[in-house]
C-alpha atoms as a PDB file:
ATOM      1  CA  MET A   1    -129.549 107.311  75.826  1.00  0.00           C
ATOM      2  CA  SER A   2    -126.559 107.448  77.143  1.00  0.00           C
ATOM      3  CA  HIS A   3    -124.512 106.094  79.841  1.00  0.00           C
ATOM      4  CA  VAL A   4    -123.136 108.280  82.368  1.00  0.00           C
ATOM      5  CA  ALA A   5    -120.692 108.968  84.435  1.00  0.00           C
ATOM      6  CA  PHE A   6    -122.207 111.425  86.521  1.00  0.00           C
ATOM      7  CA  ILE A   7    -119.066 112.577  89.259  1.00  0.00           C
ATOM      8  CA  GLY A   8    -119.580 115.863  91.399  1.00  0.00           C
ATOM      9  CA  LEU A   9    -123.142 115.477  93.236  1.00  0.00           C
ATOM     10  CA  GLY A  10    -122.911 119.192  95.509  1.00  0.00           C
ATOM     11  CA  ILE A  11    -125.259 122.349  94.567  1.00  0.00           C
ATOM     12  CA  MET A  12    -125.032 122.223  90.725  1.00  0.00           C
ATOM     13  CA  GLY A  13    -123.780 118.623  90.133  1.00  0.00           C
ATOM     14  CA  ARG A  14    -126.938 116.933  92.054  1.00  0.00           C
ATOM     15  CA  PRO A  15    -129.727 118.500  90.356  1.00  0.00           C
ATOM     16  CA  MET A  16    -128.024 118.598  86.884  1.00  0.00           C
ATOM     17  CA  ALA A  17    -127.689 115.012  87.501  1.00  0.00           C
ATOM     18  CA  ALA A  18    -131.542 114.452  88.289  1.00  0.00           C
ATOM     19  CA  ASN A  19    -131.811 116.513  85.321  1.00  0.00           C
ATOM     20  CA  LEU A  20    -130.260 114.259  83.111  1.00  0.00           C
ATOM     21  CA  VAL A  21    -132.426 110.883  84.289  1.00  0.00           C
ATOM     22  CA  ALA A  22    -135.480 112.418  84.092  1.00  0.00           C
ATOM     23  CA  ALA A  23    -134.515 112.771  80.396  1.00  0.00           C
ATOM     24  CA  GLY A  24    -134.233 109.213  81.442  1.00  0.00           C
ATOM     25  CA  HIS A  25    -130.667 108.645  80.807  1.00  0.00           C
ATOM     26  CA  VAL A  26    -128.917 105.610  82.915  1.00  0.00           C
ATOM     27  CA  VAL A  27    -126.770 107.890  85.278  1.00  0.00           C
ATOM     28  CA  ARG A  28    -124.641 106.637  87.820  1.00  0.00           C
ATOM     29  CA  GLY A  29    -123.310 109.764  90.154  1.00  0.00           C
ATOM     30  CA  TYR A  30    -120.653 109.517  92.729  1.00  0.00           C
ATOM     31  CA  SER A  31    -119.159 112.246  95.430  1.00  0.00           C
ATOM     32  CA  ARG A  32    -116.667 111.654  97.621  1.00  0.00           C
ATOM     33  CA  GLY A  33    -119.405 112.234 100.903  1.00  0.00           C
ATOM     34  CA  GLU A  34    -121.781 110.055 102.052  1.00  0.00           C
ATOM     35  CA  THR A  35    -124.235 112.958 102.044  1.00  0.00           C
ATOM     36  CA  SER A  36    -123.736 113.875  99.380  1.00  0.00           C
ATOM     37  CA  ARG A  37    -124.713 110.681  97.755  1.00  0.00           C
ATOM     38  CA  ARG A  38    -127.392 109.926 100.482  1.00  0.00           C
ATOM     39  CA  ARG A  39    -128.656 113.848  99.247  1.00  0.00           C
ATOM     40  CA  ALA A  40    -128.807 112.415  94.920  1.00  0.00           C
ATOM     41  CA  GLU A  41    -130.213 109.478  95.635  1.00  0.00           C
ATOM     42  CA  GLU A  42    -132.880 111.178  97.634  1.00  0.00           C
ATOM     43  CA  SER A  43    -133.450 112.799  94.447  1.00  0.00           C
ATOM     44  CA  GLY A  44    -133.216 110.070  91.490  1.00  0.00           C
ATOM     45  CA  VAL A  45    -130.282 109.121  91.178  1.00  0.00           C
ATOM     46  CA  PRO A  46    -128.821 106.108  91.884  1.00  0.00           C
ATOM     47  CA  THR A  47    -125.183 106.651  92.632  1.00  0.00           C
ATOM     48  CA  ALA A  48    -121.801 104.530  93.858  1.00  0.00           C
ATOM     49  CA  LYS A  49    -119.476 104.300  95.801  1.00  0.00           C
ATOM     50  CA  THR A  50    -116.313 104.629  94.296  1.00  0.00           C
ATOM     51  CA  LEU A  51    -115.310 106.104  91.312  1.00  0.00           C
ATOM     52  CA  THR A  52    -114.371 102.506  89.315  1.00  0.00           C
ATOM     53  CA  ALA A  53    -118.608 101.740  90.383  1.00  0.00           C
ATOM     54  CA  THR A  54    -119.145 104.545  88.644  1.00  0.00           C
ATOM     55  CA  LEU A  55    -117.156 104.746  86.017  1.00  0.00           C
ATOM     56  CA  ASP A  56    -118.066 100.513  84.361  1.00  0.00           C
ATOM     57  CA  GLY A  57    -119.303 100.017  82.016  1.00  0.00           C
ATOM     58  CA  ALA A  58    -120.390 103.799  81.325  1.00  0.00           C
ATOM     59  CA  ASP A  59    -119.934 105.202  77.414  1.00  0.00           C
ATOM     60  CA  VAL A  60    -119.851 108.987  78.653  1.00  0.00           C
ATOM     61  CA  VAL A  61    -118.361 110.610  81.678  1.00  0.00           C
ATOM     62  CA  VAL A  62    -119.476 114.126  83.453  1.00  0.00           C
ATOM     63  CA  LEU A  63    -117.290 116.203  86.064  1.00  0.00           C
ATOM     64  CA  VAL A  64    -119.063 118.851  88.370  1.00  0.00           C
ATOM     65  CA  LEU A  65    -116.053 119.426  90.071  1.00  0.00           C
ATOM     66  CA  PRO A  66    -114.712 122.759  91.873  1.00  0.00           C
ATOM     67  CA  ASP A  67    -111.843 123.074  90.408  1.00  0.00           C
ATOM     68  CA  THR A  68    -109.148 122.477  88.395  1.00  0.00           C
ATOM     69  CA  PRO A  69    -106.720 120.577  91.198  1.00  0.00           C
ATOM     70  CA  ASP A  70    -109.509 117.658  91.100  1.00  0.00           C
ATOM     71  CA  VAL A  71    -110.467 117.617  87.517  1.00  0.00           C
ATOM     72  CA  VAL A  72    -107.160 116.601  87.168  1.00  0.00           C
ATOM     73  CA  ASP A  73    -106.675 113.810  89.871  1.00  0.00           C
ATOM     74  CA  VAL A  74    -110.133 112.292  88.526  1.00  0.00           C
ATOM     75  CA  LEU A  75    -109.583 112.166  84.893  1.00  0.00           C
ATOM     76  CA  GLU A  76    -105.507 111.151  85.102  1.00  0.00           C
ATOM     77  CA  GLY A  77    -105.840 108.722  87.793  1.00  0.00           C
ATOM     78  CA  HIS A  78    -109.239 106.993  86.977  1.00  0.00           C
ATOM     79  CA  VAL A  79    -110.910 108.200  83.903  1.00  0.00           C
ATOM     80  CA  LEU A  80    -108.140 108.132  81.147  1.00  0.00           C
ATOM     81  CA  HIS A  81    -107.113 104.257  81.979  1.00  0.00           C
ATOM     82  CA  SER A  82    -111.360 103.138  83.360  1.00  0.00           C
ATOM     83  CA  LEU A  83    -113.515 104.871  79.298  1.00  0.00           C
ATOM     84  CA  ALA A  84    -113.411 102.308  76.893  1.00  0.00           C
ATOM     85  CA  SER A  85    -110.926 104.560  73.669  1.00  0.00           C
ATOM     86  CA  GLY A  86    -114.631 105.838  71.756  1.00  0.00           C
ATOM     87  CA  GLY A  87    -115.967 107.552  74.906  1.00  0.00           C
ATOM     88  CA  THR A  88    -116.366 111.231  75.830  1.00  0.00           C
ATOM     89  CA  VAL A  89    -116.255 113.155  79.111  1.00  0.00           C
ATOM     90  CA  ILE A  90    -117.874 116.699  79.399  1.00  0.00           C
ATOM     91  CA  ASP A  91    -115.990 118.866  81.734  1.00  0.00           C
ATOM     92  CA  MET A  92    -118.875 120.582  83.344  1.00  0.00           C
ATOM     93  CA  SER A  93    -116.569 122.387  86.189  1.00  0.00           C
ATOM     94  CA  THR A  94    -114.580 126.473  85.721  1.00  0.00           C
ATOM     95  CA  ILE A  95    -110.868 125.660  85.535  1.00  0.00           C
ATOM     96  CA  GLU A  96    -108.240 126.908  84.150  1.00  0.00           C
ATOM     97  CA  PRO A  97    -108.510 126.478  79.711  1.00  0.00           C
ATOM     98  CA  GLY A  98    -104.706 126.209  79.962  1.00  0.00           C
ATOM     99  CA  ARG A  99    -104.906 122.733  82.040  1.00  0.00           C
ATOM    100  CA  THR A 100    -108.632 122.323  79.887  1.00  0.00           C
ATOM    101  CA  ARG A 101    -106.574 121.944  76.629  1.00  0.00           C
ATOM    102  CA  ASP A 102    -103.977 120.219  77.752  1.00  0.00           C
ATOM    103  CA  LEU A 103    -106.119 117.101  79.370  1.00  0.00           C
ATOM    104  CA  HIS A 104    -108.087 117.493  75.363  1.00  0.00           C
ATOM    105  CA  ALA A 105    -104.900 116.044  74.081  1.00  0.00           C
ATOM    106  CA  ALA A 106    -104.440 113.444  76.721  1.00  0.00           C
ATOM    107  CA  CYS A 107    -108.006 112.046  75.891  1.00  0.00           C
ATOM    108  CA  ALA A 108    -106.914 112.384  72.566  1.00  0.00           C
ATOM    109  CA  GLU A 109    -104.485 110.351  72.559  1.00  0.00           C
ATOM    110  CA  ARG A 110    -106.205 107.688  74.535  1.00  0.00           C
ATOM    111  CA  GLY A 111    -108.724 107.303  71.869  1.00  0.00           C
ATOM    112  CA  LEU A 112    -111.374 109.775  73.943  1.00  0.00           C
ATOM    113  CA  ALA A 113    -113.079 112.800  72.497  1.00  0.00           C
ATOM    114  CA  MET A 114    -113.758 115.670  75.342  1.00  0.00           C
ATOM    115  CA  LEU A 115    -115.789 118.976  75.541  1.00  0.00           C
ATOM    116  CA  ASP A 116    -115.616 121.807  77.680  1.00  0.00           C
ATOM    117  CA  ALA A 117    -118.826 122.558  78.710  1.00  0.00           C
ATOM    118  CA  PRO A 118    -118.852 124.788  82.176  1.00  0.00           C
ATOM    119  CA  VAL A 119    -122.941 126.735  82.767  1.00  0.00           C
ATOM    120  CA  SER A 120    -123.925 129.646  83.788  1.00  0.00           C
ATOM    121  CA  GLY A 121    -127.369 129.648  86.001  1.00  0.00           C
ATOM    122  CA  GLY A 122    -126.679 129.044  89.217  1.00  0.00           C
ATOM    123  CA  GLU A 123    -128.928 126.509  91.335  1.00  0.00           C
ATOM    124  CA  ALA A 124    -132.075 127.180  90.447  1.00  0.00           C
ATOM    125  CA  GLY A 125    -130.658 126.724  86.734  1.00  0.00           C
ATOM    126  CA  ALA A 126    -129.627 123.645  87.240  1.00  0.00           C
ATOM    127  CA  VAL A 127    -132.963 122.926  89.386  1.00  0.00           C
ATOM    128  CA  GLU A 128    -135.528 123.997  86.245  1.00  0.00           C
ATOM    129  CA  GLY A 129    -132.578 122.283  83.703  1.00  0.00           C
ATOM    130  CA  SER A 130    -132.471 125.936  81.459  1.00  0.00           C
ATOM    131  CA  LEU A 131    -128.460 126.567  82.329  1.00  0.00           C
ATOM    132  CA  SER A 132    -126.542 127.882  80.143  1.00  0.00           C
ATOM    133  CA  ILE A 133    -123.727 125.893  78.754  1.00  0.00           C
ATOM    134  CA  MET A 134    -120.625 126.959  76.587  1.00  0.00           C
ATOM    135  CA  VAL A 135    -118.976 124.565  74.668  1.00  0.00           C
ATOM    136  CA  GLY A 136    -114.607 124.456  73.622  1.00  0.00           C
ATOM    137  CA  GLY A 137    -114.016 121.237  71.716  1.00  0.00           C
ATOM    138  CA  ASP A 138    -114.836 119.791  68.521  1.00  0.00           C
ATOM    139  CA  ALA A 139    -118.320 120.327  67.350  1.00  0.00           C
ATOM    140  CA  GLU A 140    -118.355 116.869  65.875  1.00  0.00           C
ATOM    141  CA  VAL A 141    -118.693 115.796  69.411  1.00  0.00           C
ATOM    142  CA  LEU A 142    -121.395 118.454  70.363  1.00  0.00           C
ATOM    143  CA  THR A 143    -123.649 117.855  67.622  1.00  0.00           C
ATOM    144  CA  ALA A 144    -123.578 114.160  68.881  1.00  0.00           C
ATOM    145  CA  GLN A 145    -123.503 114.958  72.639  1.00  0.00           C
ATOM    146  CA  ARG A 146    -126.499 117.821  71.753  1.00  0.00           C
ATOM    147  CA  PRO A 147    -129.476 115.238  73.156  1.00  0.00           C
ATOM    148  CA  LEU A 148    -127.702 114.816  76.634  1.00  0.00           C
ATOM    149  CA  LEU A 149    -126.350 118.223  77.641  1.00  0.00           C
ATOM    150  CA  GLU A 150    -130.103 119.600  76.000  1.00  0.00           C
ATOM    151  CA  ALA A 151    -131.667 117.515  79.566  1.00  0.00           C
ATOM    152  CA  MET A 152    -129.717 120.139  82.315  1.00  0.00           C
ATOM    153  CA  GLY A 153    -129.135 123.557  79.585  1.00  0.00           C
ATOM    154  CA  ARG A 154    -131.298 126.338  78.021  1.00  0.00           C
ATOM    155  CA  THR A 155    -129.160 127.396  75.748  1.00  0.00           C
ATOM    156  CA  ILE A 156    -126.039 125.432  73.900  1.00  0.00           C
ATOM    157  CA  VAL A 157    -123.393 127.181  71.843  1.00  0.00           C
ATOM    158  CA  HIS A 158    -120.460 126.138  70.658  1.00  0.00           C
ATOM    159  CA  VAL A 159    -118.112 128.838  71.437  1.00  0.00           C
ATOM    160  CA  GLY A 160    -114.790 127.717  69.304  1.00  0.00           C
ATOM    161  CA  GLY A 161    -112.056 125.196  70.258  1.00  0.00           C
ATOM    162  CA  PRO A 162    -110.870 123.158  73.610  1.00  0.00           C
ATOM    163  CA  GLY A 163    -110.463 125.508  76.210  1.00  0.00           C
ATOM    164  CA  ALA A 164    -112.652 127.794  74.298  1.00  0.00           C
ATOM    165  CA  GLY A 165    -115.727 126.712  76.912  1.00  0.00           C
ATOM    166  CA  GLN A 166    -113.362 128.406  79.343  1.00  0.00           C
ATOM    167  CA  VAL A 167    -112.059 131.351  78.346  1.00  0.00           C
ATOM    168  CA  VAL A 168    -116.212 131.868  77.587  1.00  0.00           C
ATOM    169  CA  LYS A 169    -117.045 130.922  81.071  1.00  0.00           C
ATOM    170  CA  ALA A 170    -113.602 133.059  83.121  1.00  0.00           C
ATOM    171  CA  ALA A 171    -115.632 135.995  80.854  1.00  0.00           C
ATOM    172  CA  ASN A 172    -119.084 135.055  81.929  1.00  0.00           C
ATOM    173  CA  GLN A 173    -117.772 135.110  86.304  1.00  0.00           C
ATOM    174  CA  LEU A 174    -115.847 138.401  85.428  1.00  0.00           C
ATOM    175  CA  MET A 175    -118.826 140.272  85.121  1.00  0.00           C
ATOM    176  CA  VAL A 176    -121.181 138.295  87.830  1.00  0.00           C
ATOM    177  CA  ALA A 177    -119.491 140.110  90.254  1.00  0.00           C
ATOM    178  CA  GLY A 178    -119.633 143.096  88.474  1.00  0.00           C
ATOM    179  CA  HIS A 179    -123.001 143.003  88.153  1.00  0.00           C
ATOM    180  CA  LEU A 180    -123.036 141.879  92.135  1.00  0.00           C
ATOM    181  CA  GLN A 181    -121.147 144.267  93.340  1.00  0.00           C
ATOM    182  CA  MET A 182    -123.429 146.517  91.351  1.00  0.00           C
ATOM    183  CA  LEU A 183    -126.769 145.887  92.669  1.00  0.00           C
ATOM    184  CA  ALA A 184    -124.250 146.021  96.230  1.00  0.00           C
ATOM    185  CA  GLU A 185    -123.807 149.367  95.722  1.00  0.00           C
ATOM    186  CA  ALA A 186    -127.134 150.517  94.525  1.00  0.00           C
ATOM    187  CA  LEU A 187    -128.388 148.740  98.005  1.00  0.00           C
ATOM    188  CA  ALA A 188    -125.955 150.734  99.370  1.00  0.00           C
ATOM    189  CA  PHE A 189    -126.865 154.336  97.815  1.00  0.00           C
ATOM    190  CA  LEU A 190    -130.623 153.535  98.054  1.00  0.00           C
ATOM    191  CA  ASP A 191    -130.757 152.903 101.786  1.00  0.00           C
ATOM    192  CA  ALA A 192    -128.757 156.323 102.560  1.00  0.00           C
ATOM    193  CA  HIS A 193    -131.068 157.818 100.805  1.00  0.00           C
ATOM    194  CA  GLY A 194    -134.353 156.284 102.554  1.00  0.00           C
ATOM    195  CA  VAL A 195    -135.354 155.201  99.684  1.00  0.00           C
ATOM    196  CA  ASP A 196    -137.831 151.770  98.997  1.00  0.00           C
ATOM    197  CA  PRO A 197    -135.356 148.923  97.706  1.00  0.00           C
ATOM    198  CA  VAL A 198    -138.033 147.206  96.182  1.00  0.00           C
ATOM    199  CA  ALA A 199    -139.767 149.366  94.256  1.00  0.00           C
ATOM    200  CA  ALA A 200    -136.359 150.915  93.789  1.00  0.00           C
ATOM    201  CA  LEU A 201    -135.301 147.302  91.852  1.00  0.00           C
ATOM    202  CA  ASP A 202    -138.728 146.800  90.106  1.00  0.00           C
ATOM    203  CA  VAL A 203    -137.683 149.815  87.349  1.00  0.00           C
ATOM    204  CA  ILE A 204    -134.100 149.638  87.587  1.00  0.00           C
ATOM    205  CA  GLY A 205    -134.474 145.991  86.714  1.00  0.00           C
ATOM    206  CA  ALA A 206    -137.699 146.410  83.964  1.00  0.00           C
ATOM    207  CA  GLY A 207    -135.044 148.933  82.031  1.00  0.00           C
ATOM    208  CA  LEU A 208    -131.555 149.088  80.629  1.00  0.00           C
ATOM    209  CA  ALA A 209    -129.047 148.167  84.500  1.00  0.00           C
ATOM    210  CA  GLY A 210    -132.154 145.172  84.523  1.00  0.00           C
ATOM    211  CA  SER A 211    -130.011 142.247  84.131  1.00  0.00           C
ATOM    212  CA  THR A 212    -130.915 138.234  85.591  1.00  0.00           C
ATOM    213  CA  VAL A 213    -128.044 138.910  88.689  1.00  0.00           C
ATOM    214  CA  ILE A 214    -130.786 141.091  89.926  1.00  0.00           C
ATOM    215  CA  GLN A 215    -134.373 138.780  88.774  1.00  0.00           C
ATOM    216  CA  ARG A 216    -132.332 136.108  90.957  1.00  0.00           C
ATOM    217  CA  LYS A 217    -130.761 137.400  93.744  1.00  0.00           C
ATOM    218  CA  ARG A 218    -132.676 140.547  94.236  1.00  0.00           C
ATOM    219  CA  ASP A 219    -135.644 138.752  97.002  1.00  0.00           C
ATOM    220  CA  SER A 220    -132.633 136.851  98.713  1.00  0.00           C
ATOM    221  CA  VAL A 221    -130.718 139.779  98.527  1.00  0.00           C
ATOM    222  CA  LEU A 222    -133.478 141.547  99.968  1.00  0.00           C
ATOM    223  CA  ALA A 223    -134.446 139.485 102.510  1.00  0.00           C
ATOM    224  CA  GLY A 224    -131.149 138.771 104.044  1.00  0.00           C
ATOM    225  CA  ASN A 225    -130.546 134.985 102.486  1.00  0.00           C
ATOM    226  CA  PHE A 226    -127.035 134.047 102.293  1.00  0.00           C
ATOM    227  CA  GLU A 227    -128.477 130.417 101.197  1.00  0.00           C
ATOM    228  CA  PRO A 228    -125.244 129.600  98.520  1.00  0.00           C
ATOM    229  CA  GLY A 229    -126.450 128.865  94.852  1.00  0.00           C
ATOM    230  CA  PHE A 230    -122.603 129.338  94.823  1.00  0.00           C
ATOM    231  CA  ARG A 231    -120.291 129.865  97.529  1.00  0.00           C
ATOM    232  CA  LEU A 232    -118.031 133.530  96.826  1.00  0.00           C
ATOM    233  CA  ALA A 233    -115.271 130.952  97.571  1.00  0.00           C
ATOM    234  CA  LEU A 234    -115.712 129.517  94.655  1.00  0.00           C
ATOM    235  CA  HIS A 235    -116.331 132.878  93.114  1.00  0.00           C
ATOM    236  CA  HIS A 236    -112.931 133.170  94.578  1.00  0.00           C
ATOM    237  CA  LYS A 237    -110.959 130.848  93.235  1.00  0.00           C
ATOM    238  CA  ASP A 238    -113.064 131.317  89.453  1.00  0.00           C
ATOM    239  CA  LEU A 239    -111.918 135.352  88.962  1.00  0.00           C
ATOM    240  CA  GLY A 240    -108.517 133.552  90.086  1.00  0.00           C
ATOM    241  CA  ILE A 241    -109.159 132.453  87.036  1.00  0.00           C
ATOM    242  CA  VAL A 242    -109.944 134.935  85.241  1.00  0.00           C
ATOM    243  CA  SER A 243    -106.728 137.115  86.525  1.00  0.00           C
ATOM    244  CA  ARG A 244    -104.217 134.018  85.326  1.00  0.00           C
ATOM    245  CA  ALA A 245    -105.652 133.858  82.417  1.00  0.00           C
ATOM    246  CA  ALA A 246    -105.851 137.976  81.185  1.00  0.00           C
ATOM    247  CA  ARG A 247    -102.010 137.692  82.710  1.00  0.00           C
ATOM    248  CA  GLU A 248    -101.052 135.183  80.369  1.00  0.00           C
ATOM    249  CA  GLU A 249    -102.657 137.006  77.240  1.00  0.00           C
ATOM    250  CA  GLY A 250    -101.076 140.294  78.387  1.00  0.00           C
ATOM    251  CA  VAL A 251    -104.798 141.985  78.647  1.00  0.00           C
ATOM    252  CA  ALA A 252    -106.112 145.178  81.182  1.00  0.00           C
ATOM    253  CA  LEU A 253    -108.663 143.973  82.774  1.00  0.00           C
ATOM    254  CA  PRO A 254    -108.527 146.959  86.279  1.00  0.00           C
ATOM    255  CA  ALA A 255    -112.573 146.700  87.427  1.00  0.00           C
ATOM    256  CA  THR A 256    -111.813 142.888  87.897  1.00  0.00           C
ATOM    257  CA  ALA A 257    -108.915 142.946  89.836  1.00  0.00           C
ATOM    258  CA  LEU A 258    -110.468 146.386  92.433  1.00  0.00           C
ATOM    259  CA  VAL A 259    -113.951 143.755  92.313  1.00  0.00           C
ATOM    260  CA  ALA A 260    -111.147 140.302  92.977  1.00  0.00           C
ATOM    261  CA  GLN A 261    -110.233 142.508  95.600  1.00  0.00           C
ATOM    262  CA  LEU A 262    -113.099 143.152  97.370  1.00  0.00           C
ATOM    263  CA  VAL A 263    -114.545 139.068  97.168  1.00  0.00           C
ATOM    264  CA  GLN A 264    -110.544 138.784  98.736  1.00  0.00           C
ATOM    265  CA  ALA A 265    -111.914 140.929 101.568  1.00  0.00           C
ATOM    266  CA  MET A 266    -114.910 138.753 101.949  1.00  0.00           C
ATOM    267  CA  ILE A 267    -112.767 135.910 102.187  1.00  0.00           C
ATOM    268  CA  ALA A 268    -110.921 137.244 104.545  1.00  0.00           C
ATOM    269  CA  ARG A 269    -114.268 137.923 106.349  1.00  0.00           C
ATOM    270  CA  GLY A 270    -114.130 133.994 106.878  1.00  0.00           C
ATOM    271  CA  ASP A 271    -117.528 135.178 103.981  1.00  0.00           C
ATOM    272  CA  GLY A 272    -116.273 132.464 101.491  1.00  0.00           C
ATOM    273  CA  GLY A 273    -119.221 130.218 102.631  1.00  0.00           C
ATOM    274  CA  LEU A 274    -121.430 132.328 101.829  1.00  0.00           C
ATOM    275  CA  ASP A 275    -123.981 133.209  98.362  1.00  0.00           C
ATOM    276  CA  HIS A 276    -121.678 135.244  96.197  1.00  0.00           C
ATOM    277  CA  SER A 277    -124.507 138.124  95.788  1.00  0.00           C
ATOM    278  CA  ALA A 278    -123.138 138.146 100.046  1.00  0.00           C
ATOM    279  CA  LEU A 279    -120.893 141.197  98.660  1.00  0.00           C
ATOM    280  CA  VAL A 280    -124.039 143.475  99.387  1.00  0.00           C
ATOM    281  CA  LEU A 281    -122.324 143.291 103.641  1.00  0.00           C
ATOM    282  CA  LEU A 282    -119.968 144.463 102.357  1.00  0.00           C
ATOM    283  CA  ALA A 283    -120.968 147.761 100.777  1.00  0.00           C
ATOM    284  CA  ARG A 284    -122.675 148.286 103.656  1.00  0.00           C
ATOM    285  CA  THR A 285    -119.876 148.138 106.057  1.00  0.00           C
ATOM    286  CA  MET A 286    -118.385 150.220 104.505  1.00  0.00           C
ATOM    287  CA  ASN A 287    -121.473 152.995 104.640  1.00  0.00           C
ATOM    288  CA  GLY A 288    -121.092 151.972 108.535  1.00  0.00           C
ATOM    289  CA  ARG A 289    -124.517 150.126 107.874  1.00  0.00           C
ATOM    290  CA  HIS A 290    -123.633 146.410 109.983  1.00  0.00           C
ATOM    291  CA  ALA A 291    -125.802 143.090 109.705  1.00  0.00           C
ATOM    292  CA  ASP A 292    -125.599 139.440 111.029  1.00  0.00           C
ATOM    293  CA  VAL A 293    -125.406 137.200 109.315  1.00  0.00           C
ATOM    294  CA  ASP A 294    -125.011 132.879 110.385  1.00  0.00           C
ATOM    295  CA  ARG A 295    -122.219 132.468 108.626  1.00  0.00           C
END
């Protein structure tokens, strides 16, 4: 069993850390917010009030943080100076692939192994321990850390060297955004024709157009519940990562750019705190069907 410093106890991190505890690993969690730490404690995750205390004695550091600057700050400002040589950093955040490659190199200089291992599956997958984990880095390091990852995910795939996990996560995020927008437009289309959306999604979901997006999001969308499992603001950040990484390689992604603009419109409306399935609200508004929602 590993001694894990788990940094980032938000919507995703808290249940992931709880699953590590349930699997028998020694876990100490950290989050800047007192409320997040309290909720983690209620979930069975021991916490510390400082990063220094969290890292003390750890041989593995797991990061689930919002954005690239957060990961860089924690790694360069704390972990690289505190984790003993031979330790392993597993970054399960979604950040810039290029910056991730730099962090792999920085870890190697300090005698640390690193995996970039972003996840897909949303809050439900984190709670269930059924996340899909796309792993970049040394295959031997993944072999050593696979038992730890198996406590949090069901599908764990080595996709390449340093940064490859983040590239695959970026591809995942552009596809999820596209699925959500198509679900939003399909519901607007069905509504305009007076067709029961429940029956329609039953049959659509069982056919070629079926997707995990429909399975995970249909009930909350139909109920008008946009309590965040994954906030639009974070998906907006992820699509920015896609855009910059695509530009670096000269890749044209026109449909992704369009969906990114629609997500940007939601942010401009003040809807960044809603679940990313709230794209359906914009589709309704564009078709003259307004819906009030708590923000």
